[in-house]
Amino acid sequence: LSGCATKSAGPPAPAEEMPAPVVVAADASYRVARGDELNFRFFHTPELNTVATVRPDGRVALPLAGEIEVEGLPMQALTAKVERLLSDQVRRPQVVINVQGATTRRVFVGGEVARPGMQPIVGPLTVLQAVLVAEGLKDTAQPRQGLVLRRGPKGERVVLPVDLSAVMSGQADAPDLPLQAYDVVVVPRSGISDLNLWIDQYIRRVLPFSLGFSYTINKNGVVQ
């Protein structure tokens, strides 16, 4: 009889589940951008769970909270904002927010760099790193007067000076500024380069004959 006994089939195999969406781990400096797909997961009220895409106006719609402005907020600040908005309607509005699908975070580097243009942000990126990715400074650059143009939390323009010479020399009081999405790095032209350009455009190219001599301008701006 024992030989004829059948083995237990065991518990039924679980039904095939849909693969979980890929969640993008955001670093502490990550700020929400338009087009980001945000996954809101509530610990104690799962009926409020929502996946929302940040619209072009920088907002998303959440159950009970309604329309909220999220663009430009760090994840920690956004979490606190959602919990605060729901605190009057939900007893324990604890939420975790993940970036389920992120737009390409990028910065723009222009001015006197060898290869100006757009750069994607993959992990932390500083001003000096962005300049090096742009193949470094031109001889005509003025690294002491670098600028980062940034949009503030209320949409205002923020201008941050960056002394790249001090950063490259490792001065302790000149930290390498971390960049945020959509920052614009500008390295201006030096005054000596402007003088060279002025001489070239308004003297050498205007005269119908050769001057018969050459000129150079030293680092102090003196014509030799």
Protein backbone atom coordinates (compact mmCIF):
# COMPACT_ATOMS: atom_id res chain seq x y z
CA LEU A 1 0.00 0.00 0.00
CA SER A 2 2.83 2.31 0.86
CA GLY A 3 4.27 1.83 -2.59
CA CYS A 4 1.02 2.88 -4.14
CA ALA A 5 0.70 5.98 -2.03
CA THR A 6 0.97 9.24 -3.94
CA LYS A 7 3.20 12.08 -2.79
CA SER A 8 1.61 15.25 -1.59
CA ALA A 9 1.43 17.81 -4.35
CA GLY A 10 2.27 20.57 -1.85
CA PRO A 11 0.82 24.04 -1.94
CA PRO A 12 -0.37 25.32 -5.31
CA ALA A 13 2.11 27.32 -7.31
CA PRO A 14 1.53 31.06 -6.96
CA ALA A 15 -0.03 32.80 -9.89
CA GLU A 16 2.41 34.51 -12.16
CA GLU A 17 2.92 38.10 -11.09
CA MET A 18 3.66 41.11 -13.22
CA PRO A 19 7.30 42.23 -12.90
CA ALA A 20 7.78 45.07 -10.47
CA PRO A 21 8.61 48.45 -12.04
CA VAL A 22 12.20 49.56 -11.93
CA VAL A 23 12.69 52.11 -9.18
CA VAL A 24 15.41 54.70 -9.60
CA ALA A 25 17.36 55.28 -6.41
CA ALA A 26 17.78 59.02 -5.97
CA ASP A 27 20.71 60.49 -4.10
CA ALA A 28 20.14 62.97 -1.29
CA SER A 29 20.63 65.95 -3.61
CA TYR A 30 18.05 64.76 -6.17
CA ARG A 31 15.28 67.26 -6.89
CA VAL A 32 12.02 66.38 -8.57
CA ALA A 33 11.82 67.44 -12.21
CA ARG A 34 9.03 67.70 -14.75
CA GLY A 35 8.29 64.35 -16.35
CA ASP A 36 9.44 62.32 -13.32
CA GLU A 37 7.17 59.41 -12.47
CA LEU A 38 6.70 59.34 -8.70
CA ASN A 39 5.53 56.29 -6.77
CA PHE A 40 3.72 57.25 -3.52
CA ARG A 41 3.35 54.34 -1.08
CA PHE A 42 1.49 54.84 2.21
CA PHE A 43 2.27 52.42 5.06
CA HIS A 44 -1.05 52.56 6.90
CA THR A 45 -3.45 53.66 4.15
CA PRO A 46 -2.54 51.66 1.03
CA GLU A 47 -5.77 52.78 -0.63
CA LEU A 48 -4.01 56.12 -1.17
CA ASN A 49 -1.09 54.55 -3.07
CA THR A 50 -0.55 56.50 -6.27
CA VAL A 51 1.80 56.66 -9.24
CA ALA A 52 1.82 60.17 -10.69
CA THR A 53 3.85 61.90 -13.39
CA VAL A 54 4.99 65.46 -12.75
CA ARG A 55 3.15 67.61 -15.25
CA PRO A 56 4.67 70.51 -17.23
CA ASP A 57 3.31 72.89 -14.57
CA GLY A 58 5.40 71.09 -11.92
CA ARG A 59 2.40 69.59 -10.11
CA VAL A 60 0.87 66.19 -9.37
CA ALA A 61 -2.59 65.20 -8.13
CA LEU A 62 -2.86 63.01 -5.02
CA PRO A 63 -5.95 61.54 -3.34
CA LEU A 64 -7.20 63.80 -0.50
CA ALA A 65 -4.24 66.18 -0.94
CA GLY A 66 -5.34 67.43 -4.36
CA GLU A 67 -2.98 69.40 -6.60
CA ILE A 68 0.45 69.95 -5.06
CA GLU A 69 3.60 71.65 -6.33
CA VAL A 70 6.50 69.18 -6.38
CA GLU A 71 9.01 70.43 -8.96
CA GLY A 72 12.40 71.31 -7.51
CA LEU A 73 11.78 69.69 -4.13
CA PRO A 74 14.30 67.25 -2.63
CA MET A 75 12.72 63.89 -1.83
CA GLN A 76 12.90 64.48 1.93
CA ALA A 77 11.10 67.81 1.60
CA LEU A 78 8.45 66.31 -0.68
CA THR A 79 7.81 63.47 1.78
CA ALA A 80 7.34 65.95 4.64
CA LYS A 81 5.03 68.10 2.50
CA VAL A 82 2.74 65.20 1.57
CA GLU A 83 2.53 63.98 5.17
CA ARG A 84 1.77 67.51 6.38
CA LEU A 85 -1.01 68.02 3.82
CA LEU A 86 -2.66 64.73 4.80
CA SER A 87 -2.22 65.04 8.56
CA ASP A 88 -5.70 66.57 9.05
CA GLN A 89 -7.42 63.79 7.10
CA VAL A 90 -5.32 60.68 7.78
CA ARG A 91 -4.34 59.48 11.24
CA ARG A 92 -0.93 58.14 10.22
CA PRO A 93 0.00 59.57 6.79
CA GLN A 94 3.46 57.97 6.65
CA VAL A 95 4.62 57.76 3.03
CA VAL A 96 7.61 56.60 1.02
CA ILE A 97 8.18 58.23 -2.37
CA ASN A 98 10.34 56.64 -5.05
CA VAL A 99 11.29 57.91 -8.49
CA GLN A 100 9.91 55.15 -10.66
CA GLY A 101 10.90 56.75 -13.94
CA ALA A 102 13.15 59.79 -14.07
CA THR A 103 13.73 62.26 -16.83
CA THR A 104 17.30 62.76 -17.94
CA ARG A 105 18.94 65.07 -15.45
CA ARG A 106 21.36 67.37 -17.20
CA VAL A 107 23.41 70.50 -16.91
CA PHE A 108 24.69 72.92 -19.53
CA VAL A 109 28.30 74.08 -19.80
CA GLY A 110 29.16 77.07 -21.95
CA GLY A 111 31.66 79.84 -22.48
CA GLU A 112 35.38 79.33 -22.83
CA VAL A 113 35.49 75.53 -22.62
CA ALA A 114 36.78 73.26 -25.35
CA ARG A 115 33.49 71.45 -25.91
CA PRO A 116 30.43 73.38 -24.67
CA GLY A 117 27.06 71.69 -24.51
CA MET A 118 24.69 69.56 -22.46
CA GLN A 119 25.88 66.91 -20.01
CA PRO A 120 23.76 64.25 -18.30
CA ILE A 121 24.07 63.95 -14.52
CA VAL A 122 24.92 60.41 -13.51
CA GLY A 123 25.49 60.55 -9.78
CA PRO A 124 27.05 63.59 -8.10
CA LEU A 125 28.62 66.14 -10.47
CA THR A 126 30.60 69.25 -9.54
CA VAL A 127 31.49 72.37 -11.51
CA LEU A 128 35.10 71.32 -12.05
CA GLN A 129 34.04 67.82 -13.13
CA ALA A 130 31.60 69.31 -15.65
CA VAL A 131 34.32 71.58 -17.04
CA LEU A 132 36.69 68.61 -17.38
CA VAL A 133 34.00 66.59 -19.18
CA ALA A 134 33.77 69.58 -21.54
CA GLU A 135 37.46 68.89 -22.29
CA GLY A 136 38.79 71.65 -20.08
CA LEU A 137 39.30 75.38 -20.34
CA LYS A 138 40.45 77.28 -23.40
CA ASP A 139 43.48 79.53 -23.21
CA THR A 140 41.08 82.46 -23.48
CA ALA A 141 39.15 81.51 -20.32
CA GLN A 142 38.98 83.49 -17.11
CA PRO A 143 38.56 80.68 -14.53
CA ARG A 144 38.46 83.03 -11.54
CA GLN A 145 35.12 84.44 -12.70
CA GLY A 146 33.13 81.27 -13.37
CA LEU A 147 29.38 81.32 -12.76
CA VAL A 148 26.63 78.82 -12.09
CA LEU A 149 23.14 79.97 -13.10
CA ARG A 150 20.43 78.15 -11.18
CA ARG A 151 16.69 78.38 -10.73
CA GLY A 152 15.70 78.88 -7.10
CA PRO A 153 12.84 77.13 -5.27
CA LYS A 154 10.40 79.89 -6.27
CA GLY A 155 11.59 80.12 -9.86
CA GLU A 156 13.93 83.04 -9.22
CA ARG A 157 17.33 83.21 -10.88
CA VAL A 158 20.27 82.44 -8.62
CA VAL A 159 23.82 83.34 -9.69
CA LEU A 160 26.63 81.52 -7.86
CA PRO A 161 30.24 82.67 -8.46
CA VAL A 162 32.85 79.93 -8.74
CA ASP A 163 36.61 80.52 -8.65
CA LEU A 164 37.82 77.57 -10.71
CA SER A 165 41.46 78.59 -10.27
CA ALA A 166 41.10 78.25 -6.51
CA VAL A 167 39.24 74.96 -6.87
CA MET A 168 41.92 73.53 -9.15
CA SER A 169 44.67 74.60 -6.76
CA GLY A 170 42.91 72.82 -3.90
CA GLN A 171 42.26 75.84 -1.69
CA ALA A 172 40.28 74.83 1.39
CA ASP A 173 38.04 77.92 1.26
CA ALA A 174 37.03 77.22 -2.37
CA PRO A 175 34.90 74.05 -2.40
CA ASP A 176 33.90 72.50 -5.70
CA LEU A 177 30.20 73.36 -6.00
CA PRO A 178 27.85 70.37 -6.55
CA LEU A 179 25.57 70.88 -9.54
CA GLN A 180 21.82 70.40 -9.70
CA ALA A 181 19.64 69.44 -12.64
CA TYR A 182 19.38 72.18 -15.28
CA ASP A 183 22.21 74.29 -13.83
CA VAL A 184 24.13 76.35 -16.38
CA VAL A 185 27.91 76.65 -15.95
CA VAL A 186 29.46 79.67 -17.67
CA VAL A 187 33.20 80.31 -17.99
CA PRO A 188 33.73 83.86 -19.32
CA ARG A 189 36.39 85.15 -21.66
CA SER A 190 39.38 86.87 -20.10
CA GLY A 191 39.92 90.59 -20.54
CA ILE A 192 43.22 89.98 -22.36
CA SER A 193 41.41 87.76 -24.85
CA ASP A 194 38.85 90.51 -25.43
CA LEU A 195 41.69 92.95 -26.14
CA ASN A 196 43.28 90.52 -28.58
CA LEU A 197 39.92 90.10 -30.32
CA TRP A 198 39.42 93.87 -30.47
CA ILE A 199 42.83 94.42 -32.07
CA ASP A 200 42.18 91.62 -34.53
CA GLN A 201 38.72 92.89 -35.55
CA TYR A 202 39.17 96.65 -35.50
CA ILE A 203 42.80 97.13 -36.49
CA ARG A 204 44.35 94.22 -38.37
CA ARG A 205 41.27 93.25 -40.41
CA VAL A 206 40.22 96.83 -41.20
CA LEU A 207 43.52 98.12 -42.55
CA PRO A 208 43.98 97.43 -46.30
CA PHE A 209 47.68 96.66 -45.83
CA SER A 210 49.90 94.62 -43.56
CA LEU A 211 51.28 96.31 -40.48
CA GLY A 212 54.61 94.69 -41.15
CA PHE A 213 55.05 93.55 -37.55
CA SER A 214 53.43 91.20 -35.13
CA TYR A 215 52.26 91.79 -31.59
CA THR A 216 51.72 89.75 -28.47
CA ILE A 217 49.99 90.64 -25.23
CA ASN A 218 51.46 89.36 -22.01
CA LYS A 219 49.46 88.25 -18.95
CA ASN A 220 49.47 91.82 -17.61
CA GLY A 221 47.76 93.14 -20.73
CA VAL A 222 50.87 94.89 -22.07
CA VAL A 223 51.41 94.92 -25.83
CA GLN A 224 54.92 93.74 -26.77
